[in-house]
Amino acid sequence: MKGWEHFHHEADVGVRGFGATPAEAFEQTAVALTATVTDPERVDALQAVGIECAGQDLELLLVDWLNALISEMAVRRMLFSRFEVALDTGGLRAKAWGERISRARHQPAVEVKGATFTELAVGRLPDGRWRAQCVVDV
């Protein structure tokens, strides 16, 4: 039931995640975020980073979550490949595992600047899976 994909957008990149729960969909959207930069399979899950976002609205939490990851990527000079998200009434608590960027090994394609409200949506699909998506500025 889990998975991710990119979707077409004129100037930037759409990231979309699917899962049995909203938390799984958020995790998969984070994998799609990494995939805008490099192949997630090339990123070793060596170091864990904790992330917390406050709020109740799932759509706003998705943007906050992705922007927190983008910030951690920039500040720590890391890429992430494994994610664990917990959602509750107070917000989001997560761990992201990754490693420092190696230009030679990861061959980063673009730098992600931020998650946007463009095409922002979090909801349940007719087949019962959850989908979380937005456009990221590259």
N, C-alpha and C. Protein backbone atom coordinates (compact mmCIF):
# COMPACT_ATOMS: atom_id res chain seq x y z
N MET A 1 0.81 -1.20 0.00
CA MET A 1 0.00 0.00 0.00
C MET A 1 0.85 1.26 0.00
N LYS A 2 2.12 1.14 0.45
CA LYS A 2 2.97 2.32 0.50
C LYS A 2 3.61 2.57 -0.85
N GLY A 3 3.93 3.82 -1.09
CA GLY A 3 4.64 4.17 -2.31
C GLY A 3 4.72 5.67 -2.46
N TRP A 4 5.44 6.09 -3.48
CA TRP A 4 5.58 7.51 -3.74
C TRP A 4 5.71 7.71 -5.24
N GLU A 5 5.55 8.98 -5.66
CA GLU A 5 5.75 9.34 -7.06
C GLU A 5 5.95 10.84 -7.17
N HIS A 6 6.45 11.25 -8.30
CA HIS A 6 6.49 12.67 -8.63
C HIS A 6 5.32 12.92 -9.57
N PHE A 7 4.79 14.14 -9.58
CA PHE A 7 3.77 14.48 -10.55
C PHE A 7 4.14 15.76 -11.25
N HIS A 8 3.61 15.94 -12.44
CA HIS A 8 3.99 17.05 -13.30
C HIS A 8 3.52 18.39 -12.74
N HIS A 9 4.42 19.35 -12.80
CA HIS A 9 4.10 20.74 -12.49
C HIS A 9 4.96 21.58 -13.41
N GLU A 10 4.43 22.69 -13.88
CA GLU A 10 5.11 23.52 -14.88
C GLU A 10 6.56 23.85 -14.54
N ALA A 11 6.81 24.45 -13.38
CA ALA A 11 8.15 24.96 -13.09
C ALA A 11 8.86 24.18 -11.99
N ASP A 12 8.14 23.50 -11.14
CA ASP A 12 8.74 22.84 -9.99
C ASP A 12 8.45 21.34 -10.03
N VAL A 13 8.48 20.68 -8.88
CA VAL A 13 8.27 19.23 -8.83
C VAL A 13 7.17 18.91 -7.83
N GLY A 14 6.23 18.09 -8.23
CA GLY A 14 5.20 17.60 -7.32
C GLY A 14 5.68 16.34 -6.64
N VAL A 15 5.48 16.27 -5.32
CA VAL A 15 5.82 15.07 -4.56
C VAL A 15 4.55 14.50 -3.95
N ARG A 16 4.44 13.19 -4.01
CA ARG A 16 3.21 12.54 -3.56
C ARG A 16 3.58 11.23 -2.87
N GLY A 17 2.93 10.98 -1.72
CA GLY A 17 3.15 9.74 -1.00
C GLY A 17 1.84 9.04 -0.71
N PHE A 18 1.88 7.72 -0.64
CA PHE A 18 0.71 6.90 -0.36
C PHE A 18 1.00 5.98 0.81
N GLY A 19 -0.03 5.68 1.60
CA GLY A 19 0.13 4.74 2.70
C GLY A 19 -1.20 4.33 3.28
N ALA A 20 -1.15 3.34 4.15
CA ALA A 20 -2.36 2.85 4.82
C ALA A 20 -2.87 3.86 5.84
N THR A 21 -1.99 4.75 6.29
CA THR A 21 -2.35 5.77 7.28
C THR A 21 -1.79 7.12 6.80
N PRO A 22 -2.28 8.22 7.35
CA PRO A 22 -1.68 9.52 7.00
C PRO A 22 -0.18 9.55 7.32
N ALA A 23 0.24 8.95 8.44
CA ALA A 23 1.66 8.94 8.79
C ALA A 23 2.49 8.22 7.73
N GLU A 24 2.02 7.09 7.23
CA GLU A 24 2.74 6.39 6.17
C GLU A 24 2.81 7.22 4.90
N ALA A 25 1.72 7.91 4.58
CA ALA A 25 1.72 8.78 3.39
C ALA A 25 2.74 9.91 3.56
N PHE A 26 2.85 10.47 4.77
CA PHE A 26 3.85 11.51 5.04
C PHE A 26 5.26 10.94 4.86
N GLU A 27 5.50 9.73 5.35
CA GLU A 27 6.81 9.10 5.20
C GLU A 27 7.17 8.94 3.73
N GLN A 28 6.21 8.49 2.94
CA GLN A 28 6.47 8.26 1.52
C GLN A 28 6.63 9.57 0.75
N THR A 29 5.95 10.62 1.18
CA THR A 29 6.14 11.93 0.56
C THR A 29 7.56 12.41 0.82
N ALA A 30 8.10 12.10 1.99
CA ALA A 30 9.49 12.45 2.30
C ALA A 30 10.46 11.68 1.40
N VAL A 31 10.15 10.42 1.08
CA VAL A 31 10.99 9.67 0.15
C VAL A 31 10.95 10.34 -1.23
N ALA A 32 9.76 10.77 -1.65
CA ALA A 32 9.63 11.47 -2.93
C ALA A 32 10.44 12.77 -2.92
N LEU A 33 10.47 13.45 -1.76
CA LEU A 33 11.28 14.66 -1.63
C LEU A 33 12.75 14.33 -1.87
N THR A 34 13.26 13.30 -1.22
CA THR A 34 14.66 12.89 -1.42
C THR A 34 14.90 12.54 -2.88
N ALA A 35 13.93 11.89 -3.51
CA ALA A 35 14.08 11.46 -4.90
C ALA A 35 14.14 12.63 -5.88
N THR A 36 13.76 13.83 -5.45
CA THR A 36 13.94 14.99 -6.32
C THR A 36 15.42 15.37 -6.40
N VAL A 37 16.18 14.99 -5.36
CA VAL A 37 17.60 15.34 -5.27
C VAL A 37 18.48 14.21 -5.79
N THR A 38 18.19 12.98 -5.36
CA THR A 38 19.01 11.82 -5.72
C THR A 38 18.17 10.56 -5.60
N ASP A 39 18.72 9.45 -6.01
CA ASP A 39 18.06 8.16 -5.84
C ASP A 39 18.10 7.80 -4.36
N PRO A 40 16.95 7.66 -3.70
CA PRO A 40 16.95 7.34 -2.27
C PRO A 40 17.70 6.06 -1.92
N GLU A 41 17.81 5.15 -2.87
CA GLU A 41 18.53 3.89 -2.63
C GLU A 41 20.03 4.12 -2.42
N ARG A 42 20.53 5.27 -2.87
CA ARG A 42 21.95 5.60 -2.70
C ARG A 42 22.26 6.21 -1.34
N VAL A 43 21.22 6.51 -0.55
CA VAL A 43 21.40 7.19 0.73
C VAL A 43 21.34 6.17 1.86
N ASP A 44 22.42 6.04 2.59
CA ASP A 44 22.47 5.11 3.71
C ASP A 44 21.85 5.75 4.96
N ALA A 45 21.08 4.98 5.68
CA ALA A 45 20.40 5.45 6.90
C ALA A 45 21.34 5.29 8.09
N LEU A 46 22.33 6.18 8.19
CA LEU A 46 23.37 6.05 9.20
C LEU A 46 23.13 6.88 10.46
N GLN A 47 22.50 8.04 10.31
CA GLN A 47 22.32 8.95 11.44
C GLN A 47 20.86 9.37 11.53
N ALA A 48 20.32 9.35 12.76
CA ALA A 48 18.91 9.73 12.97
C ALA A 48 18.83 11.19 13.41
N VAL A 49 17.81 11.87 12.90
CA VAL A 49 17.53 13.25 13.26
C VAL A 49 16.06 13.31 13.68
N GLY A 50 15.78 13.89 14.85
CA GLY A 50 14.40 14.06 15.31
C GLY A 50 13.80 15.35 14.80
N ILE A 51 12.50 15.29 14.46
CA ILE A 51 11.78 16.46 13.95
C ILE A 51 10.41 16.49 14.60
N GLU A 52 10.00 17.67 15.03
CA GLU A 52 8.65 17.86 15.59
C GLU A 52 8.01 19.07 14.94
N CYS A 53 6.72 18.94 14.65
CA CYS A 53 5.92 20.04 14.11
C CYS A 53 4.60 20.08 14.87
N ALA A 54 4.19 21.27 15.27
CA ALA A 54 2.94 21.41 16.02
C ALA A 54 1.80 21.75 15.06
N GLY A 55 0.60 21.32 15.43
CA GLY A 55 -0.58 21.65 14.63
C GLY A 55 -1.50 20.47 14.47
N GLN A 56 -2.71 20.76 14.02
CA GLN A 56 -3.72 19.72 13.86
C GLN A 56 -4.13 19.49 12.43
N ASP A 57 -4.00 20.50 11.58
CA ASP A 57 -4.42 20.39 10.19
C ASP A 57 -3.40 19.55 9.41
N LEU A 58 -3.84 18.45 8.82
CA LEU A 58 -2.92 17.54 8.13
C LEU A 58 -2.20 18.21 6.96
N GLU A 59 -2.91 19.05 6.22
CA GLU A 59 -2.27 19.69 5.07
C GLU A 59 -1.17 20.64 5.51
N LEU A 60 -1.44 21.45 6.52
CA LEU A 60 -0.41 22.36 7.03
C LEU A 60 0.75 21.59 7.64
N LEU A 61 0.45 20.48 8.31
CA LEU A 61 1.51 19.65 8.88
C LEU A 61 2.40 19.05 7.79
N LEU A 62 1.82 18.68 6.66
CA LEU A 62 2.63 18.15 5.56
C LEU A 62 3.65 19.18 5.09
N VAL A 63 3.20 20.41 4.88
CA VAL A 63 4.12 21.47 4.45
C VAL A 63 5.18 21.72 5.52
N ASP A 64 4.77 21.78 6.78
CA ASP A 64 5.74 21.98 7.87
C ASP A 64 6.74 20.84 7.93
N TRP A 65 6.27 19.61 7.79
CA TRP A 65 7.12 18.42 7.82
C TRP A 65 8.17 18.47 6.71
N LEU A 66 7.72 18.73 5.49
CA LEU A 66 8.66 18.77 4.37
C LEU A 66 9.64 19.93 4.51
N ASN A 67 9.16 21.08 4.96
CA ASN A 67 10.06 22.22 5.14
C ASN A 67 11.07 21.97 6.26
N ALA A 68 10.65 21.25 7.31
CA ALA A 68 11.60 20.88 8.37
C ALA A 68 12.67 19.95 7.82
N LEU A 69 12.28 19.00 6.97
CA LEU A 69 13.26 18.11 6.35
C LEU A 69 14.22 18.88 5.45
N ILE A 70 13.68 19.80 4.67
CA ILE A 70 14.51 20.61 3.77
C ILE A 70 15.51 21.43 4.59
N SER A 71 15.05 21.96 5.69
CA SER A 71 15.93 22.73 6.58
C SER A 71 17.05 21.84 7.14
N GLU A 72 16.69 20.66 7.61
CA GLU A 72 17.69 19.72 8.14
C GLU A 72 18.69 19.31 7.06
N MET A 73 18.20 19.12 5.84
CA MET A 73 19.09 18.77 4.73
C MET A 73 20.12 19.87 4.51
N ALA A 74 19.67 21.11 4.56
CA ALA A 74 20.57 22.25 4.29
C ALA A 74 21.54 22.48 5.45
N VAL A 75 21.02 22.52 6.67
CA VAL A 75 21.85 22.84 7.83
C VAL A 75 22.86 21.73 8.11
N ARG A 76 22.43 20.50 8.04
CA ARG A 76 23.31 19.37 8.36
C ARG A 76 24.06 18.84 7.15
N ARG A 77 23.71 19.36 5.97
CA ARG A 77 24.30 18.87 4.71
C ARG A 77 24.11 17.36 4.60
N MET A 78 22.85 16.96 4.78
CA MET A 78 22.49 15.54 4.76
C MET A 78 21.40 15.27 3.75
N LEU A 79 21.29 14.01 3.39
CA LEU A 79 20.15 13.48 2.66
C LEU A 79 19.55 12.37 3.52
N PHE A 80 18.25 12.17 3.40
CA PHE A 80 17.56 11.17 4.21
C PHE A 80 16.89 10.14 3.32
N SER A 81 16.84 8.89 3.81
CA SER A 81 16.23 7.82 3.02
C SER A 81 15.20 7.00 3.78
N ARG A 82 15.18 7.12 5.09
CA ARG A 82 14.24 6.35 5.91
C ARG A 82 13.56 7.31 6.87
N PHE A 83 12.24 7.12 7.03
CA PHE A 83 11.45 8.05 7.83
C PHE A 83 10.46 7.29 8.69
N GLU A 84 10.24 7.81 9.89
CA GLU A 84 9.24 7.26 10.79
C GLU A 84 8.45 8.44 11.35
N VAL A 85 7.16 8.48 11.04
CA VAL A 85 6.30 9.60 11.42
C VAL A 85 5.20 9.12 12.35
N ALA A 86 4.94 9.89 13.39
CA ALA A 86 3.79 9.66 14.29
C ALA A 86 2.98 10.95 14.31
N LEU A 87 1.69 10.82 14.07
CA LEU A 87 0.77 11.96 14.10
C LEU A 87 -0.17 11.80 15.27
N ASP A 88 -0.44 12.91 15.97
CA ASP A 88 -1.46 12.90 17.01
C ASP A 88 -2.14 14.26 17.02
N THR A 89 -3.00 14.49 17.99
CA THR A 89 -3.77 15.73 18.01
C THR A 89 -2.91 16.97 18.20
N GLY A 90 -1.70 16.81 18.70
CA GLY A 90 -0.81 17.96 18.89
C GLY A 90 0.11 18.25 17.73
N GLY A 91 0.23 17.31 16.80
CA GLY A 91 1.11 17.53 15.66
C GLY A 91 1.83 16.28 15.21
N LEU A 92 3.09 16.45 14.87
CA LEU A 92 3.89 15.41 14.25
C LEU A 92 5.21 15.25 15.01
N ARG A 93 5.56 14.01 15.25
CA ARG A 93 6.88 13.66 15.78
C ARG A 93 7.47 12.65 14.81
N ALA A 94 8.73 12.88 14.42
CA ALA A 94 9.31 12.01 13.41
C ALA A 94 10.80 11.83 13.62
N LYS A 95 11.31 10.79 12.99
CA LYS A 95 12.74 10.58 12.86
C LYS A 95 13.04 10.38 11.39
N ALA A 96 14.14 10.96 10.98
CA ALA A 96 14.63 10.78 9.62
C ALA A 96 16.06 10.26 9.71
N TRP A 97 16.35 9.22 8.96
CA TRP A 97 17.69 8.63 8.96
C TRP A 97 18.34 8.91 7.62
N GLY A 98 19.62 9.26 7.69
CA GLY A 98 20.34 9.54 6.45
C GLY A 98 21.82 9.65 6.69
N GLU A 99 22.47 10.37 5.79
CA GLU A 99 23.92 10.54 5.85
C GLU A 99 24.31 11.87 5.22
N ARG A 100 25.55 12.28 5.47
CA ARG A 100 26.06 13.51 4.88
C ARG A 100 26.11 13.36 3.36
N ILE A 101 25.87 14.45 2.66
CA ILE A 101 25.88 14.44 1.20
C ILE A 101 27.29 14.18 0.69
N SER A 102 27.37 13.28 -0.25
CA SER A 102 28.60 13.03 -1.01
C SER A 102 28.27 13.36 -2.46
N ARG A 103 28.82 14.46 -2.94
CA ARG A 103 28.52 14.88 -4.32
C ARG A 103 28.87 13.78 -5.32
N ALA A 104 29.98 13.09 -5.09
CA ALA A 104 30.41 12.05 -6.02
C ALA A 104 29.45 10.86 -6.02
N ARG A 105 29.01 10.43 -4.85
CA ARG A 105 28.15 9.25 -4.75
C ARG A 105 26.68 9.56 -4.98
N HIS A 106 26.18 10.65 -4.42
CA HIS A 106 24.76 10.98 -4.51
C HIS A 106 24.40 11.74 -5.79
N GLN A 107 25.35 12.44 -6.37
CA GLN A 107 25.14 13.20 -7.60
C GLN A 107 23.83 14.00 -7.53
N PRO A 108 23.74 14.97 -6.59
CA PRO A 108 22.49 15.72 -6.42
C PRO A 108 22.09 16.44 -7.70
N ALA A 109 20.82 16.28 -8.08
CA ALA A 109 20.32 16.86 -9.33
C ALA A 109 19.87 18.30 -9.15
N VAL A 110 19.21 18.59 -8.03
CA VAL A 110 18.69 19.93 -7.76
C VAL A 110 18.77 20.19 -6.27
N GLU A 111 18.58 21.44 -5.90
CA GLU A 111 18.43 21.80 -4.49
C GLU A 111 16.97 22.15 -4.27
N VAL A 112 16.35 21.52 -3.31
CA VAL A 112 14.96 21.83 -2.99
C VAL A 112 14.96 23.02 -2.05
N LYS A 113 14.19 24.05 -2.42
CA LYS A 113 14.17 25.29 -1.65
C LYS A 113 13.06 25.30 -0.60
N GLY A 114 11.94 24.66 -0.91
CA GLY A 114 10.85 24.65 0.06
C GLY A 114 9.60 23.97 -0.47
N ALA A 115 8.77 23.51 0.46
CA ALA A 115 7.46 22.96 0.12
C ALA A 115 6.48 24.12 0.02
N THR A 116 5.54 24.00 -0.90
CA THR A 116 4.58 25.07 -1.14
C THR A 116 3.15 24.59 -0.89
N PHE A 117 2.22 25.53 -0.95
CA PHE A 117 0.81 25.20 -0.81
C PHE A 117 0.18 24.81 -2.15
N THR A 118 0.96 24.85 -3.21
CA THR A 118 0.46 24.51 -4.54
C THR A 118 0.10 23.03 -4.59
N GLU A 119 -1.10 22.74 -5.03
CA GLU A 119 -1.65 21.38 -5.15
C GLU A 119 -1.54 20.60 -3.84
N LEU A 120 -1.56 21.31 -2.72
CA LEU A 120 -1.49 20.69 -1.40
C LEU A 120 -2.78 19.93 -1.11
N ALA A 121 -2.62 18.66 -0.75
CA ALA A 121 -3.78 17.84 -0.41
C ALA A 121 -3.34 16.65 0.43
N VAL A 122 -4.13 16.35 1.44
CA VAL A 122 -3.95 15.13 2.23
C VAL A 122 -5.35 14.55 2.40
N GLY A 123 -5.54 13.32 1.99
CA GLY A 123 -6.86 12.73 2.11
C GLY A 123 -6.87 11.26 1.75
N ARG A 124 -8.01 10.66 2.02
CA ARG A 124 -8.20 9.23 1.77
C ARG A 124 -8.71 9.03 0.34
N LEU A 125 -8.15 8.04 -0.34
CA LEU A 125 -8.55 7.69 -1.70
C LEU A 125 -9.69 6.68 -1.67
N PRO A 126 -10.41 6.50 -2.77
CA PRO A 126 -11.50 5.53 -2.80
C PRO A 126 -11.09 4.10 -2.44
N ASP A 127 -9.81 3.75 -2.69
CA ASP A 127 -9.35 2.39 -2.37
C ASP A 127 -8.94 2.23 -0.90
N GLY A 128 -9.09 3.31 -0.10
CA GLY A 128 -8.79 3.24 1.32
C GLY A 128 -7.41 3.75 1.70
N ARG A 129 -6.51 3.87 0.71
CA ARG A 129 -5.18 4.40 1.01
C ARG A 129 -5.26 5.90 1.26
N TRP A 130 -4.24 6.41 1.95
CA TRP A 130 -4.09 7.85 2.15
C TRP A 130 -3.08 8.39 1.15
N ARG A 131 -3.34 9.61 0.68
CA ARG A 131 -2.41 10.31 -0.22
C ARG A 131 -2.06 11.66 0.39
N ALA A 132 -0.78 12.01 0.33
CA ALA A 132 -0.30 13.32 0.77
C ALA A 132 0.55 13.89 -0.35
N GLN A 133 0.28 15.15 -0.72
CA GLN A 133 1.01 15.71 -1.85
C GLN A 133 1.13 17.22 -1.77
N CYS A 134 2.15 17.75 -2.43
CA CYS A 134 2.29 19.19 -2.67
C CYS A 134 3.39 19.37 -3.71
N VAL A 135 3.59 20.61 -4.10
CA VAL A 135 4.66 20.96 -5.02
C VAL A 135 5.80 21.53 -4.22
N VAL A 136 7.03 21.13 -4.57
CA VAL A 136 8.21 21.70 -3.92
C VAL A 136 8.95 22.60 -4.91
N ASP A 137 9.45 23.69 -4.41
CA ASP A 137 10.19 24.66 -5.19
C ASP A 137 11.63 24.19 -5.33
N VAL A 138 12.10 24.06 -6.57
CA VAL A 138 13.48 23.64 -6.82
C VAL A 138 14.25 24.73 -7.54
